[in-house]
Protein backbone atom coordinates (compact mmCIF):
# COMPACT_ATOMS: atom_id res chain seq x y z
CA MET A 1 98.63 114.28 106.89
CA ASP A 2 102.11 113.75 108.01
CA VAL A 3 102.60 111.06 110.56
CA PRO A 4 105.53 110.96 113.11
CA TYR A 5 108.05 107.97 112.98
CA PRO A 6 111.33 107.33 114.85
CA PRO A 7 113.80 106.29 112.18
CA GLU A 8 114.00 102.88 113.59
CA ALA A 9 110.06 102.15 113.45
CA TRP A 10 110.41 103.62 109.71
CA ARG A 11 112.92 100.96 109.15
CA ASP A 12 110.56 98.46 110.53
CA ARG A 13 107.79 99.59 108.45
CA ILE A 14 109.91 99.50 104.99
CA ARG A 15 111.25 95.73 105.80
CA ALA A 16 108.05 94.52 106.24
CA ARG A 17 107.01 95.76 102.83
CA ALA A 18 106.32 93.19 100.04
CA GLY A 19 108.65 94.92 97.83
CA VAL A 20 111.62 94.32 100.62
CA GLY A 21 111.36 91.64 103.35
CA ALA A 22 109.30 89.18 101.18
CA SER A 23 111.12 89.64 97.79
CA LEU A 24 114.94 90.13 98.77
CA SER A 25 116.89 87.58 100.09
CA PRO A 26 118.48 87.93 103.61
CA ASP A 27 121.63 89.77 102.45
CA GLU A 28 119.77 92.15 100.05
CA VAL A 29 117.55 93.02 102.89
CA GLU A 30 120.50 94.09 105.11
CA ARG A 31 121.90 95.92 102.30
CA PHE A 32 118.62 97.65 101.71
CA ASP A 33 118.47 98.70 105.48
CA ASP A 34 122.32 99.78 105.64
CA ALA A 35 121.24 102.00 102.64
CA LEU A 36 118.33 103.21 104.22
CA VAL A 37 120.04 104.09 107.51
CA ARG A 38 122.51 106.35 105.60
CA VAL A 39 119.20 108.03 103.64
CA LEU A 40 117.48 108.83 106.61
CA ARG A 41 120.66 109.91 109.00
CA ASP A 42 122.02 112.31 105.97
CA ARG A 43 118.47 113.59 104.54
CA PHE A 44 116.40 113.19 107.84
CA PRO A 45 118.12 113.88 110.72
CA GLY A 46 116.51 114.03 114.06
CA GLU A 47 114.64 111.70 116.55
CA VAL A 48 111.22 111.69 114.30
CA ILE A 49 110.86 111.51 110.74
CA GLN A 50 107.42 113.00 109.58
CA VAL A 51 106.22 110.94 106.75
CA PRO A 52 103.33 112.38 104.75
CA HIS A 53 100.32 109.94 104.34
CA ARG A 54 97.20 110.50 102.65
CA THR A 55 93.97 109.46 103.82
CA TRP A 56 90.03 109.12 102.68
CA ALA A 57 87.03 108.29 104.25
CA VAL A 58 83.49 107.26 102.73
CA VAL A 59 80.55 108.63 104.28
CA ALA A 60 77.02 106.89 103.63
CA THR A 61 73.79 107.88 104.71
CA ARG A 62 70.68 105.87 104.39
CA SER A 63 67.97 107.39 102.00
CA ASP A 64 64.65 107.90 103.25
CA ASP A 65 62.91 107.05 99.85
């Protein structure tokens, strides 16, 4: 399913990931974010980005054995 994100919210989500915010120095995070701004502007222009997400569910029922 596609989940809509404003570009700023998507950037916040990506910066919060362990592979970015928790692993990179503040300068590296800033450079990463600057590059992400350019990618979003160039490849995904507009006020909303539709980000595909996978979802799954488990449905359990009690057996009447």
